[in-house]
C-alpha atoms as a PDB file:
ATOM      1  CA  UNK A   1      -0.050   0.005   0.303  1.00  0.00           C
ATOM      2  CA  UNK A   2       2.678   2.349   1.119  1.00  0.00           C
ATOM      3  CA  UNK A   3       4.483   1.774  -2.749  1.00  0.00           C
ATOM      4  CA  UNK A   4       0.796   2.750  -4.243  1.00  0.00           C
ATOM      5  CA  UNK A   5       0.638   5.697  -2.147  1.00  0.00           C
ATOM      6  CA  UNK A   6       4.876   6.571  -3.398  1.00  0.00           C
ATOM      7  CA  UNK A   7       3.670   5.659  -7.184  1.00  0.00           C
ATOM      8  CA  UNK A   8       0.920   8.084  -7.244  1.00  0.00           C
ATOM      9  CA  UNK A   9       2.696  10.813  -5.573  1.00  0.00           C
ATOM     10  CA  UNK A  10       5.282  10.435  -8.019  1.00  0.00           C
ATOM     11  CA  UNK A  11       3.186  10.621 -10.845  1.00  0.00           C
ATOM     12  CA  UNK A  12       1.481  13.560  -9.764  1.00  0.00           C
ATOM     13  CA  UNK A  13       4.568  15.269  -9.379  1.00  0.00           C
ATOM     14  CA  UNK A  14       5.622  14.464 -12.916  1.00  0.00           C
ATOM     15  CA  UNK A  15       2.425  15.783 -14.351  1.00  0.00           C
ATOM     16  CA  UNK A  16       2.998  18.973 -12.269  1.00  0.00           C
ATOM     17  CA  UNK A  17       6.329  19.108 -13.796  1.00  0.00           C
ATOM     18  CA  UNK A  18       4.954  18.734 -17.643  1.00  0.00           C
ATOM     19  CA  UNK A  19       2.134  20.960 -16.682  1.00  0.00           C
ATOM     20  CA  UNK A  20       4.432  23.917 -15.499  1.00  0.00           C
ATOM     21  CA  UNK A  21       6.801  23.142 -18.494  1.00  0.00           C
ATOM     22  CA  UNK A  22       4.012  23.822 -20.973  1.00  0.00           C
ATOM     23  CA  UNK A  23       2.891  26.793 -19.424  1.00  0.00           C
ATOM     24  CA  UNK A  24       6.392  28.453 -19.957  1.00  0.00           C
ATOM     25  CA  UNK A  25       6.456  27.374 -23.086  1.00  0.00           C
ATOM     26  CA  UNK A  26       3.430  28.884 -23.995  1.00  0.00           C
ATOM     27  CA  UNK A  27       4.232  32.013 -22.527  1.00  0.00           C
ATOM     28  CA  UNK A  28       7.163  32.512 -24.339  1.00  0.00           C
ATOM     29  CA  UNK A  29       5.461  31.634 -27.697  1.00  0.00           C
ATOM     30  CA  UNK A  30       3.156  34.756 -26.687  1.00  0.00           C
ATOM     31  CA  UNK A  31       5.686  36.696 -28.519  1.00  0.00           C
ATOM     32  CA  UNK A  32       5.589  34.631 -31.676  1.00  0.00           C
ATOM     33  CA  UNK A  33       1.929  35.190 -31.309  1.00  0.00           C
ATOM     34  CA  UNK A  34       2.071  39.214 -30.930  1.00  0.00           C
ATOM     35  CA  UNK A  35       4.134  39.092 -34.458  1.00  0.00           C
ATOM     36  CA  UNK A  36       2.240  37.344 -36.348  1.00  0.00           C
ATOM     37  CA  UNK A  37      -0.783  39.649 -35.429  1.00  0.00           C
ATOM     38  CA  UNK A  38       0.849  42.486 -35.898  1.00  0.00           C
ATOM     39  CA  UNK A  39       1.394  41.123 -39.264  1.00  0.00           C
ATOM     40  CA  UNK A  40      -1.813  40.413 -39.687  1.00  0.00           C
ATOM     41  CA  UNK A  41      -2.908  43.566 -38.774  1.00  0.00           C
ATOM     42  CA  UNK A  42      -0.830  45.433 -41.462  1.00  0.00           C
ATOM     43  CA  UNK A  43      -2.221  42.872 -44.212  1.00  0.00           C
ATOM     44  CA  UNK A  44      -5.400  43.972 -43.228  1.00  0.00           C
ATOM     45  CA  UNK A  45      -4.805  47.637 -43.242  1.00  0.00           C
ATOM     46  CA  UNK A  46      -3.150  47.340 -46.658  1.00  0.00           C
ATOM     47  CA  UNK A  47      -5.990  45.243 -48.089  1.00  0.00           C
ATOM     48  CA  UNK A  48      -8.563  47.622 -46.890  1.00  0.00           C
ATOM     49  CA  UNK A  49      -6.662  50.233 -48.422  1.00  0.00           C
ATOM     50  CA  UNK A  50      -7.032  48.640 -51.661  1.00  0.00           C
ATOM     51  CA  UNK A  51     -10.723  47.638 -51.527  1.00  0.00           C
ATOM     52  CA  UNK A  52     -11.687  51.517 -50.811  1.00  0.00           C
ATOM     53  CA  UNK A  53      -9.137  52.290 -53.898  1.00  0.00           C
ATOM     54  CA  UNK A  54     -10.984  49.576 -55.991  1.00  0.00           C
ATOM     55  CA  UNK A  55     -14.001  50.702 -54.703  1.00  0.00           C
ATOM     56  CA  UNK A  56     -13.513  54.617 -55.483  1.00  0.00           C
ATOM     57  CA  UNK A  57     -12.643  53.574 -59.533  1.00  0.00           C
ATOM     58  CA  UNK A  58     -15.886  51.187 -59.968  1.00  0.00           C
ATOM     59  CA  UNK A  59     -17.897  54.006 -58.415  1.00  0.00           C
ATOM     60  CA  UNK A  60     -16.163  56.686 -60.903  1.00  0.00           C
ATOM     61  CA  UNK A  61     -16.816  54.031 -63.656  1.00  0.00           C
ATOM     62  CA  UNK A  62     -20.003  53.358 -62.735  1.00  0.00           C
ATOM     63  CA  UNK A  63     -20.711  57.116 -62.628  1.00  0.00           C
ATOM     64  CA  UNK A  64     -19.287  57.791 -66.745  1.00  0.00           C
ATOM     65  CA  UNK A  65     -21.732  54.876 -67.507  1.00  0.00           C
ATOM     66  CA  UNK A  66     -24.514  56.956 -66.531  1.00  0.00           C
ATOM     67  CA  UNK A  67     -24.140  59.540 -67.985  1.00  0.00           C
ATOM     68  CA  UNK A  68     -23.628  58.234 -71.759  1.00  0.00           C
END
């Protein structure tokens, strides 16, 4: 019975250690996530700019077609 309790304590300690390592690893990957978010935000802003330019061109062309 004593051996079973010791085995359970060792297993719980091992799981705790693995959990701590995963938490620390995830925390250090936060910088990577921030870089990805900044890159995606820049891409979004560029696409937004392109969309409004294209929309303006389309509206000008539609206006010219209405005049004809």
